[in-house]
C-alpha atoms as a PDB file:
ATOM      1  CA  MET A   1     166.028  72.661  90.999  1.00  0.00           C
ATOM      2  CA  ASP A   2     166.134  70.953  94.320  1.00  0.00           C
ATOM      3  CA  LYS A   3     164.915  71.372  97.868  1.00  0.00           C
ATOM      4  CA  GLU A   4     168.511  71.639  99.106  1.00  0.00           C
ATOM      5  CA  GLN A   5     169.157  74.734  96.974  1.00  0.00           C
ATOM      6  CA  PHE A   6     165.824  76.224  98.202  1.00  0.00           C
ATOM      7  CA  GLU A   7     166.976  75.812 101.810  1.00  0.00           C
ATOM      8  CA  ARG A   8     170.573  76.929 101.213  1.00  0.00           C
ATOM      9  CA  ASP A   9     169.972  79.906  98.911  1.00  0.00           C
ATOM     10  CA  PRO A  10     166.383  80.841  98.142  1.00  0.00           C
ATOM     11  CA  ARG A  11     167.386  83.855  96.045  1.00  0.00           C
ATOM     12  CA  ASP A  12     169.375  81.699  93.655  1.00  0.00           C
ATOM     13  CA  TYR A  13     166.500  79.193  93.629  1.00  0.00           C
ATOM     14  CA  ALA A  14     164.080  81.935  92.549  1.00  0.00           C
ATOM     15  CA  LEU A  15     166.456  83.264  89.939  1.00  0.00           C
ATOM     16  CA  ASP A  16     167.047  79.769  88.561  1.00  0.00           C
ATOM     17  CA  MET A  17     163.291  79.283  88.219  1.00  0.00           C
ATOM     18  CA  VAL A  18     163.234  82.387  86.003  1.00  0.00           C
ATOM     19  CA  ASN A  19     166.368  81.399  84.063  1.00  0.00           C
ATOM     20  CA  GLU A  20     164.960  77.894  83.430  1.00  0.00           C
ATOM     21  CA  GLY A  21     161.658  79.335  82.187  1.00  0.00           C
ATOM     22  CA  MET A  22     159.631  77.873  85.072  1.00  0.00           C
ATOM     23  CA  VAL A  23     158.403  81.324  86.248  1.00  0.00           C
ATOM     24  CA  ASP A  24     157.748  84.460  84.264  1.00  0.00           C
ATOM     25  CA  PRO A  25     160.086  87.282  85.529  1.00  0.00           C
ATOM     26  CA  MET A  26     157.143  89.713  85.926  1.00  0.00           C
ATOM     27  CA  LEU A  27     155.240  87.195  88.012  1.00  0.00           C
ATOM     28  CA  LEU A  28     158.232  86.779  90.348  1.00  0.00           C
ATOM     29  CA  LEU A  29     158.704  90.552  90.525  1.00  0.00           C
ATOM     30  CA  GLN A  30     155.045  91.107  91.378  1.00  0.00           C
ATOM     31  CA  ALA A  31     155.140  88.346  93.987  1.00  0.00           C
ATOM     32  CA  ALA A  32     158.220  89.907  95.645  1.00  0.00           C
ATOM     33  CA  LEU A  33     156.872  93.405  95.601  1.00  0.00           C
ATOM     34  CA  ASN A  34     153.519  92.320  96.959  1.00  0.00           C
ATOM     35  CA  TRP A  35     155.281  90.470  99.774  1.00  0.00           C
ATOM     36  CA  MET A  36     157.434  93.428 100.795  1.00  0.00           C
ATOM     37  CA  SER A  37     156.275  96.370 102.922  1.00  0.00           C
ATOM     38  CA  HIS A  38     156.300  99.824 101.473  1.00  0.00           C
ATOM     39  CA  ASP A  39     159.382 100.639 103.575  1.00  0.00           C
ATOM     40  CA  GLU A  40     161.186  97.583 102.247  1.00  0.00           C
ATOM     41  CA  VAL A  41     160.434  98.512  98.691  1.00  0.00           C
ATOM     42  CA  ARG A  42     161.693 102.112  99.299  1.00  0.00           C
ATOM     43  CA  GLU A  43     164.870 100.813 100.932  1.00  0.00           C
ATOM     44  CA  MET A  44     165.498  98.349  98.088  1.00  0.00           C
ATOM     45  CA  LEU A  45     164.996 101.001  95.409  1.00  0.00           C
ATOM     46  CA  ASP A  46     167.218 103.447  97.269  1.00  0.00           C
ATOM     47  CA  ALA A  47     169.953 100.791  97.885  1.00  0.00           C
ATOM     48  CA  ASN A  48     170.007 100.110  94.167  1.00  0.00           C
ATOM     49  CA  GLU A  49     170.013 103.799  93.241  1.00  0.00           C
ATOM     50  CA  LEU A  50     166.604 103.487  91.612  1.00  0.00           C
ATOM     51  CA  SER A  51     164.760 105.930  93.923  1.00  0.00           C
ATOM     52  CA  PRO A  52     163.868 109.490  92.825  1.00  0.00           C
ATOM     53  CA  ARG A  53     166.902 110.916  94.626  1.00  0.00           C
ATOM     54  CA  PHE A  54     169.095 109.232  91.949  1.00  0.00           C
ATOM     55  CA  SER A  55     167.090 110.456  88.953  1.00  0.00           C
ATOM     56  CA  GLU A  56     168.808 112.454  86.189  1.00  0.00           C
ATOM     57  CA  GLU A  57     166.723 115.493  87.115  1.00  0.00           C
ATOM     58  CA  ASP A  58     168.265 115.574  90.598  1.00  0.00           C
ATOM     59  CA  GLU A  59     171.790 115.048  89.214  1.00  0.00           C
ATOM     60  CA  ASP A  60     171.438 118.012  86.928  1.00  0.00           C
ATOM     61  CA  GLU A  61     170.484 120.221  89.858  1.00  0.00           C
ATOM     62  CA  ASP A  62     173.498 119.076  91.859  1.00  0.00           C
ATOM     63  CA  GLU A  63     175.868 119.658  88.964  1.00  0.00           C
ATOM     64  CA  ASP A  64     174.680 123.234  88.496  1.00  0.00           C
ATOM     65  CA  GLU A  65     175.261 124.220  92.110  1.00  0.00           C
ATOM     66  CA  GLU A  66     178.674 125.647  92.852  1.00  0.00           C
ATOM     67  CA  TRP A  67     180.370 124.498  96.036  1.00  0.00           C
ATOM     68  CA  THR A  68     180.495 127.059  98.823  1.00  0.00           C
ATOM     69  CA  PRO A  69     181.148 126.689 102.538  1.00  0.00           C
ATOM     70  CA  ASP A  70     177.494 127.672 103.100  1.00  0.00           C
ATOM     71  CA  ASN A  71     176.049 124.844 101.025  1.00  0.00           C
ATOM     72  CA  ALA A  72     178.638 122.151 101.804  1.00  0.00           C
ATOM     73  CA  ASP A  73     177.525 118.892 103.419  1.00  0.00           C
ATOM     74  CA  PHE A  74     180.429 118.280 105.748  1.00  0.00           C
ATOM     75  CA  ASN A  75     179.126 114.762 106.546  1.00  0.00           C
ATOM     76  CA  ASP A  76     179.662 113.811 102.871  1.00  0.00           C
ATOM     77  CA  PRO A  77     183.299 112.816 102.207  1.00  0.00           C
ATOM     78  CA  GLY A  78     182.835 113.690  98.554  1.00  0.00           C
ATOM     79  CA  SER A  79     182.086 117.328  99.304  1.00  0.00           C
ATOM     80  CA  ARG A  80     185.111 117.924 101.549  1.00  0.00           C
ATOM     81  CA  HIS A  81     187.777 120.135 100.134  1.00  0.00           C
ATOM     82  CA  HIS A  82     191.293 119.996 101.460  1.00  0.00           C
ATOM     83  CA  TYR A  83     193.179 123.285 101.518  1.00  0.00           C
END
């Protein structure tokens, strides 16, 4: 662990502290979450598909719904059907 790594890549520095047993993972997680705003936490969870919109419950609802032109999201490339 060195100051140069801290300056160059602070994420790796923090992860190395955990990997080397210098910091408890829960302590680092709590420190990061406490530092972040609510919006940043929401964005991070969503970006990593950990937000409620990616829960199994929501997936089941989407799977049961049959595609029709009325319920299609034409902005979603995955919902476009080519005829």
